[in-house]
Amino acid sequence: MSQGCSTKARQVLVALIRIGWSIKRQTGSHKIMERSGWEDVVFPFKDREEIGPRMLAKITKRTGLKPGDL
């Protein structure tokens, strides 16, 4: 991810689903995402929230999301 990049949570969620992640369960705004061969990931964002560059980097590391997927 490039420095200073931020993205809406909804866009990141759609990209995760596109690369094979699915919502295992949801409690409020916290979604537990699952994908075969990966550990489950908690996605704790509301759709309109902005995800900053540091958090986006953590998400990409844990999920395999690439800049081109967004």
N, C-alpha and C. Protein backbone atom coordinates (compact mmCIF):
# COMPACT_ATOMS: atom_id res chain seq x y z
N MET A 1 0.84 -1.18 0.00
CA MET A 1 0.00 0.00 0.00
C MET A 1 0.88 1.24 0.00
N SER A 2 0.45 2.22 -0.68
CA SER A 2 1.22 3.45 -0.72
C SER A 2 1.01 4.25 0.56
N GLN A 3 2.00 5.02 0.91
CA GLN A 3 1.95 5.86 2.11
C GLN A 3 0.84 6.89 1.97
N GLY A 4 0.04 7.09 3.02
CA GLY A 4 -0.98 8.11 3.00
C GLY A 4 -2.28 7.69 2.35
N CYS A 5 -2.41 6.44 1.98
CA CYS A 5 -3.61 5.94 1.32
C CYS A 5 -4.67 5.58 2.37
N SER A 6 -5.89 6.05 2.19
CA SER A 6 -6.99 5.64 3.05
C SER A 6 -8.18 5.30 2.18
N THR A 7 -9.02 4.40 2.68
CA THR A 7 -10.12 3.87 1.89
C THR A 7 -11.34 3.67 2.76
N LYS A 8 -12.51 3.76 2.18
CA LYS A 8 -13.75 3.48 2.90
C LYS A 8 -13.81 2.00 3.25
N ALA A 9 -14.34 1.69 4.43
CA ALA A 9 -14.43 0.32 4.90
C ALA A 9 -15.26 -0.55 3.96
N ARG A 10 -16.32 0.00 3.40
CA ARG A 10 -17.17 -0.76 2.49
C ARG A 10 -16.39 -1.24 1.27
N GLN A 11 -15.52 -0.39 0.75
CA GLN A 11 -14.70 -0.75 -0.42
C GLN A 11 -13.74 -1.88 -0.07
N VAL A 12 -13.15 -1.83 1.13
CA VAL A 12 -12.23 -2.90 1.55
C VAL A 12 -13.00 -4.20 1.73
N LEU A 13 -14.17 -4.14 2.34
CA LEU A 13 -14.98 -5.34 2.55
C LEU A 13 -15.36 -5.99 1.21
N VAL A 14 -15.78 -5.21 0.26
CA VAL A 14 -16.12 -5.73 -1.07
C VAL A 14 -14.91 -6.38 -1.72
N ALA A 15 -13.75 -5.76 -1.59
CA ALA A 15 -12.52 -6.32 -2.16
C ALA A 15 -12.16 -7.65 -1.49
N LEU A 16 -12.35 -7.74 -0.17
CA LEU A 16 -12.07 -9.00 0.54
C LEU A 16 -12.99 -10.11 0.04
N ILE A 17 -14.25 -9.80 -0.12
CA ILE A 17 -15.21 -10.79 -0.61
C ILE A 17 -14.84 -11.22 -2.03
N ARG A 18 -14.41 -10.27 -2.84
CA ARG A 18 -14.02 -10.56 -4.22
C ARG A 18 -12.83 -11.53 -4.29
N ILE A 19 -11.90 -11.46 -3.32
CA ILE A 19 -10.72 -12.35 -3.38
C ILE A 19 -10.93 -13.65 -2.60
N GLY A 20 -12.15 -13.89 -2.14
CA GLY A 20 -12.44 -15.19 -1.56
C GLY A 20 -12.82 -15.22 -0.09
N TRP A 21 -12.82 -14.10 0.58
CA TRP A 21 -13.23 -14.05 1.98
C TRP A 21 -14.75 -14.04 2.05
N SER A 22 -15.29 -14.59 3.12
CA SER A 22 -16.74 -14.53 3.32
C SER A 22 -17.01 -14.19 4.78
N ILE A 23 -18.21 -13.71 5.04
CA ILE A 23 -18.59 -13.35 6.41
C ILE A 23 -19.08 -14.61 7.12
N LYS A 24 -18.35 -15.00 8.14
CA LYS A 24 -18.68 -16.19 8.92
C LYS A 24 -19.84 -15.88 9.88
N ARG A 25 -19.72 -14.76 10.56
CA ARG A 25 -20.78 -14.28 11.45
C ARG A 25 -20.59 -12.80 11.70
N GLN A 26 -21.61 -12.16 12.25
CA GLN A 26 -21.55 -10.73 12.49
C GLN A 26 -22.25 -10.39 13.80
N THR A 27 -21.64 -9.50 14.58
CA THR A 27 -22.24 -8.96 15.78
C THR A 27 -22.09 -7.45 15.71
N GLY A 28 -23.18 -6.75 15.47
CA GLY A 28 -23.10 -5.30 15.28
C GLY A 28 -22.30 -5.00 14.04
N SER A 29 -21.30 -4.14 14.17
CA SER A 29 -20.47 -3.81 13.01
C SER A 29 -19.26 -4.74 12.88
N HIS A 30 -19.04 -5.62 13.86
CA HIS A 30 -17.91 -6.54 13.82
C HIS A 30 -18.26 -7.77 12.98
N LYS A 31 -17.52 -7.94 11.90
CA LYS A 31 -17.71 -9.09 11.02
C LYS A 31 -16.52 -10.03 11.19
N ILE A 32 -16.79 -11.31 11.37
CA ILE A 32 -15.74 -12.31 11.41
C ILE A 32 -15.65 -12.89 10.00
N MET A 33 -14.50 -12.68 9.37
CA MET A 33 -14.29 -13.10 7.99
C MET A 33 -13.52 -14.42 7.98
N GLU A 34 -13.87 -15.31 7.04
CA GLU A 34 -13.18 -16.59 6.92
C GLU A 34 -12.80 -16.85 5.47
N ARG A 35 -11.72 -17.61 5.33
CA ARG A 35 -11.25 -18.02 4.00
C ARG A 35 -10.44 -19.29 4.19
N SER A 36 -10.65 -20.24 3.34
CA SER A 36 -9.94 -21.51 3.43
C SER A 36 -8.42 -21.29 3.37
N GLY A 37 -7.71 -21.89 4.31
CA GLY A 37 -6.25 -21.77 4.35
C GLY A 37 -5.74 -20.56 5.11
N TRP A 38 -6.62 -19.73 5.64
CA TRP A 38 -6.24 -18.52 6.38
C TRP A 38 -6.91 -18.54 7.75
N GLU A 39 -6.31 -17.84 8.71
CA GLU A 39 -6.95 -17.65 10.01
C GLU A 39 -8.11 -16.67 9.86
N ASP A 40 -9.14 -16.85 10.68
CA ASP A 40 -10.26 -15.90 10.67
C ASP A 40 -9.77 -14.51 11.03
N VAL A 41 -10.41 -13.50 10.46
CA VAL A 41 -10.04 -12.11 10.67
C VAL A 41 -11.27 -11.33 11.13
N VAL A 42 -11.10 -10.49 12.15
CA VAL A 42 -12.18 -9.62 12.61
C VAL A 42 -12.12 -8.33 11.81
N PHE A 43 -13.23 -7.96 11.21
CA PHE A 43 -13.35 -6.71 10.44
C PHE A 43 -14.32 -5.82 11.21
N PRO A 44 -13.81 -4.91 12.07
CA PRO A 44 -14.66 -4.18 13.01
C PRO A 44 -15.14 -2.80 12.54
N PHE A 45 -15.36 -2.62 11.25
CA PHE A 45 -15.66 -1.29 10.74
C PHE A 45 -17.09 -1.17 10.23
N LYS A 46 -17.65 0.03 10.39
CA LYS A 46 -18.93 0.35 9.77
C LYS A 46 -18.65 0.75 8.33
N ASP A 47 -19.63 0.57 7.46
CA ASP A 47 -19.44 0.76 6.02
C ASP A 47 -18.85 2.11 5.63
N ARG A 48 -19.26 3.18 6.28
CA ARG A 48 -18.82 4.52 5.86
C ARG A 48 -17.56 5.00 6.55
N GLU A 49 -17.00 4.20 7.45
CA GLU A 49 -15.77 4.61 8.13
C GLU A 49 -14.61 4.63 7.16
N GLU A 50 -13.69 5.51 7.43
CA GLU A 50 -12.46 5.62 6.63
C GLU A 50 -11.38 4.78 7.33
N ILE A 51 -10.73 3.92 6.58
CA ILE A 51 -9.63 3.11 7.12
C ILE A 51 -8.33 3.78 6.70
N GLY A 52 -7.53 4.16 7.67
CA GLY A 52 -6.28 4.85 7.41
C GLY A 52 -5.19 3.93 6.91
N PRO A 53 -4.06 4.50 6.52
CA PRO A 53 -2.98 3.71 5.91
C PRO A 53 -2.37 2.65 6.82
N ARG A 54 -2.23 2.94 8.11
CA ARG A 54 -1.63 1.94 9.00
C ARG A 54 -2.55 0.75 9.19
N MET A 55 -3.83 0.99 9.41
CA MET A 55 -4.78 -0.10 9.58
C MET A 55 -4.95 -0.86 8.28
N LEU A 56 -4.95 -0.17 7.18
CA LEU A 56 -5.06 -0.81 5.87
C LEU A 56 -3.87 -1.75 5.62
N ALA A 57 -2.70 -1.33 6.05
CA ALA A 57 -1.50 -2.18 5.91
C ALA A 57 -1.64 -3.45 6.75
N LYS A 58 -2.19 -3.32 7.95
CA LYS A 58 -2.40 -4.50 8.81
C LYS A 58 -3.41 -5.45 8.18
N ILE A 59 -4.48 -4.90 7.63
CA ILE A 59 -5.50 -5.73 6.99
C ILE A 59 -4.91 -6.47 5.79
N THR A 60 -4.14 -5.77 4.97
CA THR A 60 -3.56 -6.41 3.78
C THR A 60 -2.60 -7.53 4.18
N LYS A 61 -1.86 -7.35 5.25
CA LYS A 61 -0.92 -8.36 5.71
C LYS A 61 -1.65 -9.62 6.20
N ARG A 62 -2.76 -9.44 6.90
CA ARG A 62 -3.48 -10.57 7.48
C ARG A 62 -4.41 -11.26 6.48
N THR A 63 -4.76 -10.60 5.37
CA THR A 63 -5.76 -11.16 4.46
C THR A 63 -5.25 -11.47 3.07
N GLY A 64 -4.07 -10.98 2.71
CA GLY A 64 -3.56 -11.19 1.36
C GLY A 64 -4.11 -10.22 0.33
N LEU A 65 -4.80 -9.18 0.81
CA LEU A 65 -5.35 -8.16 -0.08
C LEU A 65 -4.19 -7.36 -0.69
N LYS A 66 -4.29 -7.07 -1.97
CA LYS A 66 -3.24 -6.31 -2.67
C LYS A 66 -3.81 -4.96 -3.13
N PRO A 67 -2.96 -3.97 -3.36
CA PRO A 67 -3.45 -2.66 -3.80
C PRO A 67 -4.33 -2.72 -5.05
N GLY A 68 -4.02 -3.61 -5.95
CA GLY A 68 -4.82 -3.76 -7.16
C GLY A 68 -6.21 -4.31 -6.92
N ASP A 69 -6.42 -4.96 -5.76
CA ASP A 69 -7.72 -5.53 -5.43
C ASP A 69 -8.73 -4.45 -5.04
N LEU A 70 -8.21 -3.29 -4.61
CA LEU A 70 -9.11 -2.21 -4.20
C LEU A 70 -9.51 -1.48 -5.42
